[in-house]
Amino acid sequence: MLLNDELPNHDHASTSLKTLLLVFALVLVGVLGYLVYQQNTAPDETSDSIVPKKTANTNPPETTKTPATTSITAADENLVACGDTAAYGFDLTFGAKWTGHKVKQILQADMDPQPGYAVVTCYFEMPTTSTEDTWVNADSTHDAKYASAFAVSVYTPAQWTLSQQEANIPTELGHNASYYWGWSQAQAIPDDLTAVYADSKNVVATFKIAD
């Protein structure tokens, strides 16, 4: 019969194909194994003695910025902050007794009566522990709980001439073509400030017209 005669040929072809596929698979495995072996056994071309090339830094080095400082002269330290210091400023030097002192100013426009007797009057005041109403409360010459030990006034030449006709004549400290400076001591002072009151004459002795 023809069908039975063709079966042996079919089995033979199947066996040949399987053999061919097996050989191909073995060859493929061998090639892959060889490639893996070559990769694992290849010499390391990186040497410890090779120094990496440094890239030049073209950016300028960073610097730490420090705040600018201003040199303070003795005149700056002693310049009295009262009125227009650029026009008629003056210097005074205060000793340790005057720690905590303040300057209270009255400009000509604020003086009573008008017209004002001076361009400005600078009252030098110190804190007091006195419980008297005069010192507990503020007035035109001192702040609350302060007392004025002395005052320095700045005058025009015309105002200075008039001041010499007053009952309480100020003592001249200095003058230039535009202004006169005069000082006067307080008429009253609390008991705890007698030391600075007595030292007032030493302070005004350091008077200097600001440059």
Foldseek 3Di string as FASTA:
>chain_A
DVVVVCVVVVVVVVVVVVVVVVVVVVVVVVVVVVVVVCVVPPDDPDDPPDDDDDDDDPDDDDDDDDDDDDDADPQNVFWAPEDPCVVWIKGWDDDPLLPAKDWQKDAQVRDPPPRRLARMKIFIKHAAPDPDPVQQPDDNRDHHRIDTFKMKTKHFPVSLVVLCVDPQRFDWLDDDNGITITMDGDPDDDPVCPVVSVCPVVGSVRMDTRD
